[in-house]
Amino acid sequence: MAYLLEHSTQTCLPLAPHHTFGRLANSVNTLIDKPYISKLHAAIEWTGSHWCLKSLGLNGTWINGSLLNQSDSRDLNLQDDIRFAEPGDPGFTVTDLTPPCDMLWPLGQAADQFTPIALSRYHLLPDTQDPELALFFDESTQFWYSETLNQEPESQRKILDGDQLTFGGSDWQFMQVQIYGPTEAKSSHHLNDYQFIFHLSQDEETTQLELQHQQTLDFGLRTHHYLLLQLARHRAEDAVRGLDSENQGWVYADQLAAELGLDITHINIQIFRARKQLADSLPMVLGQQYLVERRNGKLRFGCEKLTVYKSATLILALP
């Protein structure tokens, strides 16, 4: 998301995809309460490929010392200087011109230390090594959620535009400008189209994961693959017992933690690392929320096709 440096306050101003300036309170994105400013004085808009400034007010808009009259427009460049109506008034400097995206906006940071966080699908915050919370987008509901990692799954909550989050001793505001649904609808692949192939060492110290559908993707050796494998074992065992697909594989989180020798915090961290790896590797695949499902304090491996090899020997297969 692009932003400007506001000279009068020395703070950064995030730009909405269609961002308006003027003195009509509650109707513009940025209020400039001066008598020579028009009610709707100017707009900065993302065109799909670049940002463009359009002057709408009778008194014009100045960019780099040149006057834009009413209805004139100009593509923006980094370090452009923008002033409205009066060239001597404190104005704005174009500081960032990245395309619109959902982001976490830092609150209380000085302009020279300003670092917003552009959001993809899954984030462990403040970092992956010592996370306090996870932030993720659920395609099935088209909402963002946060989850405190040192609590039970019921700590999950929906995040709406303007909500504040605290982690790493800092406060952040969630800003949503992007909608994912129309893009994803073009994908013809679903997570359940993929065969999950686990390769387990004889001593169960290492687990490699491959996903196979039309081609084979190697997800490498990761600690979180063993968590997925353990959940897959529960699902396969229930299938052998004759349970239907809807009821296969559900296990209480504390039971899974005991089986893996982990606490709930690390269980949650590993789940989100698995989800993030999947989202990074297969961003357009639908149904990613089913990788690990939650229900009433229970979890399960949500995918229906799995194969497990131990030292090259097939030990499990579903279906």
C-alpha atoms as a PDB file:
ATOM      1  CA  MET A   1       0.000   0.000   0.000  1.00  0.00           C
ATOM      2  CA  ALA A   2       1.391   3.392  -0.991  1.00  0.00           C
ATOM      3  CA  TYR A   3       1.794   6.193   1.517  1.00  0.00           C
ATOM      4  CA  LEU A   4       2.767   9.847   1.770  1.00  0.00           C
ATOM      5  CA  LEU A   5       4.830  11.775   4.289  1.00  0.00           C
ATOM      6  CA  GLU A   6       2.719  14.617   5.686  1.00  0.00           C
ATOM      7  CA  HIS A   7       5.034  17.581   6.263  1.00  0.00           C
ATOM      8  CA  SER A   8       2.979  19.378   8.913  1.00  0.00           C
ATOM      9  CA  THR A   9       2.918  16.401  11.291  1.00  0.00           C
ATOM     10  CA  GLN A  10       5.934  14.405  10.042  1.00  0.00           C
ATOM     11  CA  THR A  11       3.746  11.317   9.972  1.00  0.00           C
ATOM     12  CA  CYS A  12       3.007   8.824   7.211  1.00  0.00           C
ATOM     13  CA  LEU A  13      -0.403   8.733   5.535  1.00  0.00           C
ATOM     14  CA  PRO A  14      -1.583   5.461   3.956  1.00  0.00           C
ATOM     15  CA  LEU A  15      -3.411   5.732   0.641  1.00  0.00           C
ATOM     16  CA  ALA A  16      -6.688   3.965  -0.023  1.00  0.00           C
ATOM     17  CA  PRO A  17      -7.082   2.605  -3.595  1.00  0.00           C
ATOM     18  CA  HIS A  18      -9.214   5.709  -4.280  1.00  0.00           C
ATOM     19  CA  HIS A  19      -8.053   8.332  -1.788  1.00  0.00           C
ATOM     20  CA  THR A  20      -9.727  11.727  -1.601  1.00  0.00           C
ATOM     21  CA  PHE A  21      -8.574  15.036  -0.046  1.00  0.00           C
ATOM     22  CA  GLY A  22     -10.775  18.010   0.842  1.00  0.00           C
ATOM     23  CA  ARG A  23     -12.609  19.930   3.562  1.00  0.00           C
ATOM     24  CA  LEU A  24     -15.905  17.976   3.472  1.00  0.00           C
ATOM     25  CA  ALA A  25     -15.705  16.130   6.803  1.00  0.00           C
ATOM     26  CA  ASN A  26     -16.826  12.474   6.833  1.00  0.00           C
ATOM     27  CA  SER A  27     -16.799  12.393   3.021  1.00  0.00           C
ATOM     28  CA  VAL A  28     -13.073  12.438   2.230  1.00  0.00           C
ATOM     29  CA  ASN A  29     -10.241  10.158   3.279  1.00  0.00           C
ATOM     30  CA  THR A  30      -8.012  13.044   4.371  1.00  0.00           C
ATOM     31  CA  LEU A  31      -9.595  16.196   5.778  1.00  0.00           C
ATOM     32  CA  ILE A  32      -7.871  19.523   5.047  1.00  0.00           C
ATOM     33  CA  ASP A  33      -9.884  22.139   6.920  1.00  0.00           C
ATOM     34  CA  LYS A  34      -8.874  25.380   5.200  1.00  0.00           C
ATOM     35  CA  PRO A  35     -11.221  27.870   3.481  1.00  0.00           C
ATOM     36  CA  TYR A  36      -9.382  27.812   0.135  1.00  0.00           C
ATOM     37  CA  ILE A  37      -9.559  24.021  -0.096  1.00  0.00           C
ATOM     38  CA  SER A  38     -12.502  22.633  -2.072  1.00  0.00           C
ATOM     39  CA  LYS A  39     -14.959  20.222  -0.465  1.00  0.00           C
ATOM     40  CA  LEU A  40     -13.516  17.559  -2.746  1.00  0.00           C
ATOM     41  CA  HIS A  41     -10.166  18.982  -3.775  1.00  0.00           C
ATOM     42  CA  ALA A  42      -8.086  16.093  -5.166  1.00  0.00           C
ATOM     43  CA  ALA A  43      -7.857  12.332  -5.450  1.00  0.00           C
ATOM     44  CA  ILE A  44      -5.027   9.825  -5.676  1.00  0.00           C
ATOM     45  CA  GLU A  45      -6.099   6.591  -7.319  1.00  0.00           C
ATOM     46  CA  TRP A  46      -4.564   3.205  -8.139  1.00  0.00           C
ATOM     47  CA  THR A  47      -5.258   2.568 -11.837  1.00  0.00           C
ATOM     48  CA  GLY A  48      -4.271  -1.104 -11.848  1.00  0.00           C
ATOM     49  CA  SER A  49      -0.691  -0.391 -12.889  1.00  0.00           C
ATOM     50  CA  HIS A  50       0.295   2.900 -11.217  1.00  0.00           C
ATOM     51  CA  TRP A  51      -0.863   5.686  -8.898  1.00  0.00           C
ATOM     52  CA  CYS A  52      -2.352   8.842 -10.388  1.00  0.00           C
ATOM     53  CA  LEU A  53      -3.072  12.268  -8.853  1.00  0.00           C
ATOM     54  CA  LYS A  54      -6.121  14.162 -10.132  1.00  0.00           C
ATOM     55  CA  SER A  55      -6.918  17.758  -9.224  1.00  0.00           C
ATOM     56  CA  LEU A  56     -10.642  18.332  -8.575  1.00  0.00           C
ATOM     57  CA  GLY A  57     -10.756  21.705  -6.821  1.00  0.00           C
ATOM     58  CA  LEU A  58     -11.134  25.160  -8.324  1.00  0.00           C
ATOM     59  CA  ASN A  59      -7.863  26.374  -6.760  1.00  0.00           C
ATOM     60  CA  GLY A  60      -5.794  23.600  -8.252  1.00  0.00           C
ATOM     61  CA  THR A  61      -3.093  21.284  -6.948  1.00  0.00           C
ATOM     62  CA  TRP A  62       0.662  21.770  -7.067  1.00  0.00           C
ATOM     63  CA  ILE A  63       3.055  18.939  -7.860  1.00  0.00           C
ATOM     64  CA  ASN A  64       6.795  19.614  -7.823  1.00  0.00           C
ATOM     65  CA  GLY A  65       6.039  23.328  -8.213  1.00  0.00           C
ATOM     66  CA  SER A  66       3.794  22.889 -11.262  1.00  0.00           C
ATOM     67  CA  LEU A  67       0.086  23.728 -11.120  1.00  0.00           C
ATOM     68  CA  LEU A  68      -2.559  21.149 -12.008  1.00  0.00           C
ATOM     69  CA  ASN A  69      -5.841  22.866 -12.795  1.00  0.00           C
ATOM     70  CA  GLN A  70      -9.264  21.335 -12.166  1.00  0.00           C
ATOM     71  CA  SER A  71      -9.585  17.903 -13.903  1.00  0.00           C
ATOM     72  CA  ASP A  72      -5.845  17.734 -14.706  1.00  0.00           C
ATOM     73  CA  SER A  73      -4.058  14.544 -13.699  1.00  0.00           C
ATOM     74  CA  ARG A  74      -0.494  13.323 -13.331  1.00  0.00           C
ATOM     75  CA  ASP A  75       1.090   9.927 -12.728  1.00  0.00           C
ATOM     76  CA  LEU A  76       2.983   9.875  -9.438  1.00  0.00           C
ATOM     77  CA  ASN A  77       6.662   9.141  -8.860  1.00  0.00           C
ATOM     78  CA  LEU A  78       8.627   8.629  -5.676  1.00  0.00           C
ATOM     79  CA  GLN A  79       9.629  11.864  -3.918  1.00  0.00           C
ATOM     80  CA  ASP A  80       6.992  13.921  -5.736  1.00  0.00           C
ATOM     81  CA  ASP A  81       6.000  16.991  -3.719  1.00  0.00           C
ATOM     82  CA  ILE A  82       2.219  17.600  -3.510  1.00  0.00           C
ATOM     83  CA  ARG A  83       0.533  20.759  -2.214  1.00  0.00           C
ATOM     84  CA  PHE A  84      -3.133  21.709  -2.389  1.00  0.00           C
ATOM     85  CA  ALA A  85      -4.295  25.191  -3.523  1.00  0.00           C
ATOM     86  CA  GLU A  86      -1.454  27.159  -1.872  1.00  0.00           C
ATOM     87  CA  PRO A  87       2.102  26.225  -2.982  1.00  0.00           C
ATOM     88  CA  GLY A  88       3.484  27.670   0.261  1.00  0.00           C
ATOM     89  CA  ASP A  89       1.402  25.416   2.535  1.00  0.00           C
ATOM     90  CA  PRO A  90       2.991  22.333   4.079  1.00  0.00           C
ATOM     91  CA  GLY A  91       2.242  19.460   1.749  1.00  0.00           C
ATOM     92  CA  PHE A  92       3.059  15.820   1.211  1.00  0.00           C
ATOM     93  CA  THR A  93       5.964  13.828  -0.202  1.00  0.00           C
ATOM     94  CA  VAL A  94       5.323  10.576  -2.063  1.00  0.00           C
ATOM     95  CA  THR A  95       7.248   8.014  -0.013  1.00  0.00           C
ATOM     96  CA  ASP A  96       5.970   4.660  -1.300  1.00  0.00           C
ATOM     97  CA  LEU A  97       4.158   3.610  -4.490  1.00  0.00           C
ATOM     98  CA  THR A  98       3.555  -0.104  -3.999  1.00  0.00           C
ATOM     99  CA  PRO A  99       0.171  -1.457  -5.190  1.00  0.00           C
ATOM    100  CA  PRO A 100      -2.747  -1.591  -2.726  1.00  0.00           C
ATOM    101  CA  CYS A 101      -2.671  -4.534  -0.331  1.00  0.00           C
ATOM    102  CA  ASP A 102      -3.950  -5.503   3.088  1.00  0.00           C
ATOM    103  CA  MET A 103      -1.458  -4.440   5.714  1.00  0.00           C
ATOM    104  CA  LEU A 104      -0.644  -3.784   9.342  1.00  0.00           C
ATOM    105  CA  TRP A 105      -0.021  -0.089   9.882  1.00  0.00           C
ATOM    106  CA  PRO A 106       2.368   0.787  12.738  1.00  0.00           C
ATOM    107  CA  LEU A 107       1.026   3.207  15.325  1.00  0.00           C
ATOM    108  CA  GLY A 108       3.325   5.636  17.098  1.00  0.00           C
ATOM    109  CA  GLN A 109       6.400   4.997  14.958  1.00  0.00           C
ATOM    110  CA  ALA A 110       8.568   7.917  13.849  1.00  0.00           C
ATOM    111  CA  ALA A 111       8.593   8.536  10.092  1.00  0.00           C
ATOM    112  CA  ASP A 112      12.279   7.613   9.794  1.00  0.00           C
ATOM    113  CA  GLN A 113      11.597   4.239  11.469  1.00  0.00           C
ATOM    114  CA  PHE A 114       8.338   3.553   9.665  1.00  0.00           C
ATOM    115  CA  THR A 115       7.883  -0.075   8.536  1.00  0.00           C
ATOM    116  CA  PRO A 116       4.347  -1.260   7.680  1.00  0.00           C
ATOM    117  CA  ILE A 117       3.763  -4.997   7.176  1.00  0.00           C
ATOM    118  CA  ALA A 118       2.259  -6.001   3.821  1.00  0.00           C
ATOM    119  CA  LEU A 119       0.075  -9.072   4.331  1.00  0.00           C
ATOM    120  CA  SER A 120      -0.019 -12.252   2.301  1.00  0.00           C
ATOM    121  CA  ARG A 121      -1.990 -15.277   3.587  1.00  0.00           C
ATOM    122  CA  TYR A 122      -0.286 -16.396   6.797  1.00  0.00           C
ATOM    123  CA  HIS A 123       1.889 -14.495   9.232  1.00  0.00           C
ATOM    124  CA  LEU A 124       3.539 -15.367  12.513  1.00  0.00           C
ATOM    125  CA  LEU A 125       4.084 -12.133  14.434  1.00  0.00           C
ATOM    126  CA  PRO A 126       6.311 -10.427  15.408  1.00  0.00           C
ATOM    127  CA  ASP A 127       8.507 -13.069  13.725  1.00  0.00           C
ATOM    128  CA  THR A 128       8.637 -16.799  12.997  1.00  0.00           C
ATOM    129  CA  GLN A 129      11.238 -17.522  15.677  1.00  0.00           C
ATOM    130  CA  ASP A 130       9.365 -16.147  18.698  1.00  0.00           C
ATOM    131  CA  PRO A 131       5.754 -15.581  17.570  1.00  0.00           C
ATOM    132  CA  GLU A 132       3.011 -14.264  19.828  1.00  0.00           C
ATOM    133  CA  LEU A 133       0.099 -14.477  17.411  1.00  0.00           C
ATOM    134  CA  ALA A 134      -0.832 -15.706  13.965  1.00  0.00           C
ATOM    135  CA  LEU A 135      -2.701 -13.679  11.386  1.00  0.00           C
ATOM    136  CA  PHE A 136      -4.336 -15.472   8.460  1.00  0.00           C
ATOM    137  CA  PHE A 137      -6.928 -15.115   5.710  1.00  0.00           C
ATOM    138  CA  ASP A 138      -9.700 -17.705   5.519  1.00  0.00           C
ATOM    139  CA  GLU A 139     -10.911 -18.040   1.931  1.00  0.00           C
ATOM    140  CA  SER A 140     -14.102 -19.829   3.008  1.00  0.00           C
ATOM    141  CA  THR A 141     -15.354 -16.814   4.980  1.00  0.00           C
ATOM    142  CA  GLN A 142     -13.366 -14.114   3.131  1.00  0.00           C
ATOM    143  CA  PHE A 143     -12.218 -12.677   6.461  1.00  0.00           C
ATOM    144  CA  TRP A 144      -8.923 -12.231   8.265  1.00  0.00           C
ATOM    145  CA  TYR A 145      -8.457 -13.831  11.686  1.00  0.00           C
ATOM    146  CA  SER A 146      -5.909 -13.549  14.469  1.00  0.00           C
ATOM    147  CA  GLU A 147      -5.090 -16.287  16.923  1.00  0.00           C
ATOM    148  CA  THR A 148      -3.068 -15.971  20.098  1.00  0.00           C
ATOM    149  CA  LEU A 149      -0.649 -18.868  19.960  1.00  0.00           C
ATOM    150  CA  ASN A 150      -0.305 -19.529  23.671  1.00  0.00           C
ATOM    151  CA  GLN A 151      -4.040 -20.140  24.139  1.00  0.00           C
ATOM    152  CA  GLU A 152      -6.595 -22.706  23.024  1.00  0.00           C
ATOM    153  CA  PRO A 153      -7.984 -22.486  19.464  1.00  0.00           C
ATOM    154  CA  GLU A 154     -11.051 -20.666  20.785  1.00  0.00           C
ATOM    155  CA  SER A 155      -8.836 -17.547  21.097  1.00  0.00           C
ATOM    156  CA  GLN A 156      -9.306 -17.061  17.329  1.00  0.00           C
ATOM    157  CA  ARG A 157     -11.084 -13.823  16.416  1.00  0.00           C
ATOM    158  CA  LYS A 158     -12.195 -12.089  13.238  1.00  0.00           C
ATOM    159  CA  ILE A 159     -10.215  -8.963  12.285  1.00  0.00           C
ATOM    160  CA  LEU A 160     -12.005  -6.082  10.570  1.00  0.00           C
ATOM    161  CA  ASP A 161     -10.680  -2.989   8.846  1.00  0.00           C
ATOM    162  CA  GLY A 162      -9.436  -0.513  11.456  1.00  0.00           C
ATOM    163  CA  ASP A 163      -9.011  -3.042  14.269  1.00  0.00           C
ATOM    164  CA  GLN A 164      -5.871  -2.789  16.389  1.00  0.00           C
ATOM    165  CA  LEU A 165      -3.438  -5.580  17.259  1.00  0.00           C
ATOM    166  CA  THR A 166      -0.603  -5.601  19.758  1.00  0.00           C
ATOM    167  CA  PHE A 167       2.489  -7.775  19.485  1.00  0.00           C
ATOM    168  CA  GLY A 168       6.187  -7.351  20.141  1.00  0.00           C
ATOM    169  CA  GLY A 169       5.420  -4.427  22.437  1.00  0.00           C
ATOM    170  CA  SER A 170       3.987  -2.345  19.555  1.00  0.00           C
ATOM    171  CA  ASP A 171       0.502  -1.393  18.397  1.00  0.00           C
ATOM    172  CA  TRP A 172      -0.674  -1.910  14.827  1.00  0.00           C
ATOM    173  CA  GLN A 173      -3.835  -1.058  12.874  1.00  0.00           C
ATOM    174  CA  PHE A 174      -5.245  -3.540  10.370  1.00  0.00           C
ATOM    175  CA  MET A 175      -6.045  -1.959   7.007  1.00  0.00           C
ATOM    176  CA  GLN A 176      -7.984  -3.986   4.431  1.00  0.00           C
ATOM    177  CA  VAL A 177      -8.253  -2.902   0.812  1.00  0.00           C
ATOM    178  CA  GLN A 178      -8.027  -6.191  -1.099  1.00  0.00           C
ATOM    179  CA  ILE A 179     -10.631  -8.865  -1.821  1.00  0.00           C
ATOM    180  CA  TYR A 180      -9.319 -12.286  -2.761  1.00  0.00           C
ATOM    181  CA  GLY A 181     -12.425 -14.169  -3.800  1.00  0.00           C
ATOM    182  CA  PRO A 182     -12.786 -13.171  -7.492  1.00  0.00           C
ATOM    183  CA  THR A 183      -9.147 -14.062  -8.257  1.00  0.00           C
ATOM    184  CA  GLU A 184      -9.279 -17.399  -6.493  1.00  0.00           C
ATOM    185  CA  ALA A 185     -12.487 -18.394  -8.184  1.00  0.00           C
ATOM    186  CA  LYS A 186     -10.481 -18.823 -11.398  1.00  0.00           C
ATOM    187  CA  SER A 187      -8.514 -21.707  -9.900  1.00  0.00           C
ATOM    188  CA  SER A 188      -9.696 -25.183 -10.891  1.00  0.00           C
ATOM    189  CA  HIS A 189      -7.581 -27.027  -8.315  1.00  0.00           C
ATOM    190  CA  HIS A 190      -8.642 -27.923  -4.773  1.00  0.00           C
ATOM    191  CA  LEU A 191      -6.457 -29.153  -1.941  1.00  0.00           C
ATOM    192  CA  ASN A 192      -8.319 -32.474  -1.934  1.00  0.00           C
ATOM    193  CA  ASP A 193      -7.086 -33.077  -5.497  1.00  0.00           C
ATOM    194  CA  TYR A 194      -3.595 -33.574  -4.056  1.00  0.00           C
ATOM    195  CA  GLN A 195      -2.112 -36.781  -2.669  1.00  0.00           C
ATOM    196  CA  PHE A 196      -0.073 -36.135   0.473  1.00  0.00           C
ATOM    197  CA  ILE A 197       2.949 -38.463   0.448  1.00  0.00           C
ATOM    198  CA  PHE A 198       4.902 -38.676   3.715  1.00  0.00           C
ATOM    199  CA  HIS A 199       8.406 -40.207   3.818  1.00  0.00           C
ATOM    200  CA  LEU A 200       9.272 -41.103   7.402  1.00  0.00           C
ATOM    201  CA  SER A 201      12.710 -42.213   8.584  1.00  0.00           C
ATOM    202  CA  GLN A 202      12.981 -45.511  10.478  1.00  0.00           C
ATOM    203  CA  ASP A 203      13.614 -43.755  13.801  1.00  0.00           C
ATOM    204  CA  GLU A 204      10.861 -41.166  13.009  1.00  0.00           C
ATOM    205  CA  GLU A 205      13.349 -38.340  13.476  1.00  0.00           C
ATOM    206  CA  THR A 206      12.749 -36.818  10.028  1.00  0.00           C
ATOM    207  CA  THR A 207       9.672 -36.436   7.835  1.00  0.00           C
ATOM    208  CA  GLN A 208       9.633 -35.398   4.199  1.00  0.00           C
ATOM    209  CA  LEU A 209       6.410 -34.361   2.455  1.00  0.00           C
ATOM    210  CA  GLU A 210       5.484 -34.421  -1.226  1.00  0.00           C
ATOM    211  CA  LEU A 211       2.234 -33.285  -2.821  1.00  0.00           C
ATOM    212  CA  GLN A 212       1.215 -34.986  -6.030  1.00  0.00           C
ATOM    213  CA  HIS A 213      -1.374 -33.850  -8.579  1.00  0.00           C
ATOM    214  CA  GLN A 214      -0.409 -33.724 -12.244  1.00  0.00           C
ATOM    215  CA  GLN A 215       3.113 -33.104 -10.969  1.00  0.00           C
ATOM    216  CA  THR A 216       5.014 -33.770  -7.738  1.00  0.00           C
ATOM    217  CA  LEU A 217       5.984 -30.907  -5.414  1.00  0.00           C
ATOM    218  CA  ASP A 218       8.690 -31.543  -2.829  1.00  0.00           C
ATOM    219  CA  PHE A 219       7.978 -29.750   0.464  1.00  0.00           C
ATOM    220  CA  GLY A 220      11.282 -30.938   1.920  1.00  0.00           C
ATOM    221  CA  LEU A 221      12.115 -31.977   5.470  1.00  0.00           C
ATOM    222  CA  ARG A 222      10.262 -29.903   8.074  1.00  0.00           C
ATOM    223  CA  THR A 223       9.427 -30.427  11.731  1.00  0.00           C
ATOM    224  CA  HIS A 224       5.783 -29.509  11.103  1.00  0.00           C
ATOM    225  CA  HIS A 225       5.421 -32.377   8.615  1.00  0.00           C
ATOM    226  CA  TYR A 226       5.546 -34.820  11.535  1.00  0.00           C
ATOM    227  CA  LEU A 227       2.551 -33.072  13.126  1.00  0.00           C
ATOM    228  CA  LEU A 228       0.612 -33.468   9.862  1.00  0.00           C
ATOM    229  CA  LEU A 229       1.707 -37.104   9.723  1.00  0.00           C
ATOM    230  CA  GLN A 230       0.459 -37.791  13.250  1.00  0.00           C
ATOM    231  CA  LEU A 231      -2.923 -36.287  12.395  1.00  0.00           C
ATOM    232  CA  ALA A 232      -2.951 -38.304   9.156  1.00  0.00           C
ATOM    233  CA  ARG A 233      -2.390 -41.484  11.188  1.00  0.00           C
ATOM    234  CA  HIS A 234      -5.464 -40.741  13.298  1.00  0.00           C
ATOM    235  CA  ARG A 235      -7.532 -40.209  10.168  1.00  0.00           C
ATOM    236  CA  ALA A 236      -6.316 -43.454   8.602  1.00  0.00           C
ATOM    237  CA  GLU A 237      -7.004 -45.395  11.812  1.00  0.00           C
ATOM    238  CA  ASP A 238     -10.579 -44.091  11.910  1.00  0.00           C
ATOM    239  CA  ALA A 239     -11.029 -45.018   8.254  1.00  0.00           C
ATOM    240  CA  VAL A 240      -9.975 -48.599   9.053  1.00  0.00           C
ATOM    241  CA  ARG A 241     -12.500 -48.607  11.920  1.00  0.00           C
ATOM    242  CA  GLY A 242     -15.222 -47.741   9.408  1.00  0.00           C
ATOM    243  CA  LEU A 243     -15.959 -44.140  10.426  1.00  0.00           C
ATOM    244  CA  ASP A 244     -17.340 -41.958   7.664  1.00  0.00           C
ATOM    245  CA  SER A 245     -15.188 -39.198   6.163  1.00  0.00           C
ATOM    246  CA  GLU A 246     -16.839 -36.422   8.169  1.00  0.00           C
ATOM    247  CA  ASN A 247     -15.924 -38.071  11.496  1.00  0.00           C
ATOM    248  CA  GLN A 248     -12.466 -39.389  10.681  1.00  0.00           C
ATOM    249  CA  GLY A 249      -9.337 -38.150  12.380  1.00  0.00           C
ATOM    250  CA  TRP A 250     -10.600 -35.834  15.117  1.00  0.00           C
ATOM    251  CA  VAL A 251      -8.242 -35.720  18.122  1.00  0.00           C
ATOM    252  CA  TYR A 252      -8.159 -33.400  21.124  1.00  0.00           C
ATOM    253  CA  ALA A 253      -5.381 -30.807  21.004  1.00  0.00           C
ATOM    254  CA  ASP A 254      -3.994 -31.823  24.399  1.00  0.00           C
ATOM    255  CA  GLN A 255      -3.870 -35.486  23.319  1.00  0.00           C
ATOM    256  CA  LEU A 256      -1.958 -34.511  20.172  1.00  0.00           C
ATOM    257  CA  ALA A 257       0.379 -32.365  22.277  1.00  0.00           C
ATOM    258  CA  ALA A 258       1.110 -35.343  24.550  1.00  0.00           C
ATOM    259  CA  GLU A 259       1.766 -37.607  21.564  1.00  0.00           C
ATOM    260  CA  LEU A 260       4.223 -35.135  20.047  1.00  0.00           C
ATOM    261  CA  GLY A 261       5.790 -33.981  23.312  1.00  0.00           C
ATOM    262  CA  LEU A 262       4.830 -30.366  22.605  1.00  0.00           C
ATOM    263  CA  ASP A 263       2.781 -27.719  24.391  1.00  0.00           C
ATOM    264  CA  ILE A 264      -0.264 -26.026  22.859  1.00  0.00           C
ATOM    265  CA  THR A 265       1.771 -22.979  21.829  1.00  0.00           C
ATOM    266  CA  HIS A 266       4.166 -25.042  19.741  1.00  0.00           C
ATOM    267  CA  ILE A 267       1.314 -27.106  18.301  1.00  0.00           C
ATOM    268  CA  ASN A 268      -0.280 -23.886  17.048  1.00  0.00           C
ATOM    269  CA  ILE A 269       3.034 -22.563  15.716  1.00  0.00           C
ATOM    270  CA  GLN A 270       3.676 -25.746  13.752  1.00  0.00           C
ATOM    271  CA  ILE A 271       0.162 -25.714  12.289  1.00  0.00           C
ATOM    272  CA  PHE A 272       0.642 -22.179  11.047  1.00  0.00           C
ATOM    273  CA  ARG A 273       4.079 -22.948   9.638  1.00  0.00           C
ATOM    274  CA  ALA A 274       2.518 -25.836   7.705  1.00  0.00           C
ATOM    275  CA  ARG A 275      -0.277 -23.587   6.422  1.00  0.00           C
ATOM    276  CA  LYS A 276       2.147 -20.841   5.435  1.00  0.00           C
ATOM    277  CA  GLN A 277       4.388 -23.243   3.518  1.00  0.00           C
ATOM    278  CA  LEU A 278       1.342 -24.539   1.647  1.00  0.00           C
ATOM    279  CA  ALA A 279       0.064 -21.027   0.868  1.00  0.00           C
ATOM    280  CA  ASP A 280       3.486 -19.900  -0.349  1.00  0.00           C
ATOM    281  CA  SER A 281       3.912 -22.970  -2.559  1.00  0.00           C
ATOM    282  CA  LEU A 282       0.352 -23.244  -3.934  1.00  0.00           C
ATOM    283  CA  PRO A 283      -1.180 -19.760  -3.623  1.00  0.00           C
ATOM    284  CA  MET A 284      -4.004 -20.366  -6.119  1.00  0.00           C
ATOM    285  CA  VAL A 285      -5.198 -23.725  -4.790  1.00  0.00           C
ATOM    286  CA  LEU A 286      -8.641 -23.630  -3.155  1.00  0.00           C
ATOM    287  CA  GLY A 287      -9.541 -25.292   0.134  1.00  0.00           C
ATOM    288  CA  GLN A 288      -6.332 -24.512   1.995  1.00  0.00           C
ATOM    289  CA  GLN A 289      -8.277 -24.030   5.230  1.00  0.00           C
ATOM    290  CA  TYR A 290      -8.865 -27.792   5.272  1.00  0.00           C
ATOM    291  CA  LEU A 291      -5.187 -28.693   5.766  1.00  0.00           C
ATOM    292  CA  VAL A 292      -5.789 -28.782   9.531  1.00  0.00           C
ATOM    293  CA  GLU A 293      -9.366 -28.392  10.704  1.00  0.00           C
ATOM    294  CA  ARG A 294     -10.561 -27.447  14.208  1.00  0.00           C
ATOM    295  CA  ARG A 295     -13.806 -28.324  15.973  1.00  0.00           C
ATOM    296  CA  ASN A 296     -14.716 -28.035  19.666  1.00  0.00           C
ATOM    297  CA  GLY A 297     -11.140 -28.286  20.922  1.00  0.00           C
ATOM    298  CA  LYS A 298     -10.258 -31.033  18.450  1.00  0.00           C
ATOM    299  CA  LEU A 299      -8.061 -31.034  15.345  1.00  0.00           C
ATOM    300  CA  ARG A 300      -7.742 -33.261  12.322  1.00  0.00           C
ATOM    301  CA  PHE A 301      -5.885 -33.626   9.045  1.00  0.00           C
ATOM    302  CA  GLY A 302      -8.529 -32.397   6.616  1.00  0.00           C
ATOM    303  CA  CYS A 303      -7.305 -33.966   3.378  1.00  0.00           C
ATOM    304  CA  GLU A 304      -8.604 -37.290   2.128  1.00  0.00           C
ATOM    305  CA  LYS A 305      -5.683 -38.640   0.062  1.00  0.00           C
ATOM    306  CA  LEU A 306      -2.561 -39.691   1.937  1.00  0.00           C
ATOM    307  CA  THR A 307       0.262 -42.200   1.695  1.00  0.00           C
ATOM    308  CA  VAL A 308       2.921 -42.888   4.334  1.00  0.00           C
ATOM    309  CA  TYR A 309       6.238 -44.600   3.682  1.00  0.00           C
ATOM    310  CA  LYS A 310       8.613 -45.600   6.482  1.00  0.00           C
ATOM    311  CA  SER A 311      12.128 -46.284   5.163  1.00  0.00           C
ATOM    312  CA  ALA A 312      10.642 -46.838   1.694  1.00  0.00           C
ATOM    313  CA  THR A 313       8.050 -49.318   3.013  1.00  0.00           C
ATOM    314  CA  LEU A 314       4.382 -48.408   2.518  1.00  0.00           C
ATOM    315  CA  ILE A 315       2.692 -48.423   5.937  1.00  0.00           C
ATOM    316  CA  LEU A 316      -0.476 -46.333   5.376  1.00  0.00           C
ATOM    317  CA  ALA A 317      -2.641 -45.374   2.434  1.00  0.00           C
ATOM    318  CA  LEU A 318      -5.945 -43.505   2.257  1.00  0.00           C
ATOM    319  CA  PRO A 319      -8.150 -44.071   0.405  1.00  0.00           C
END
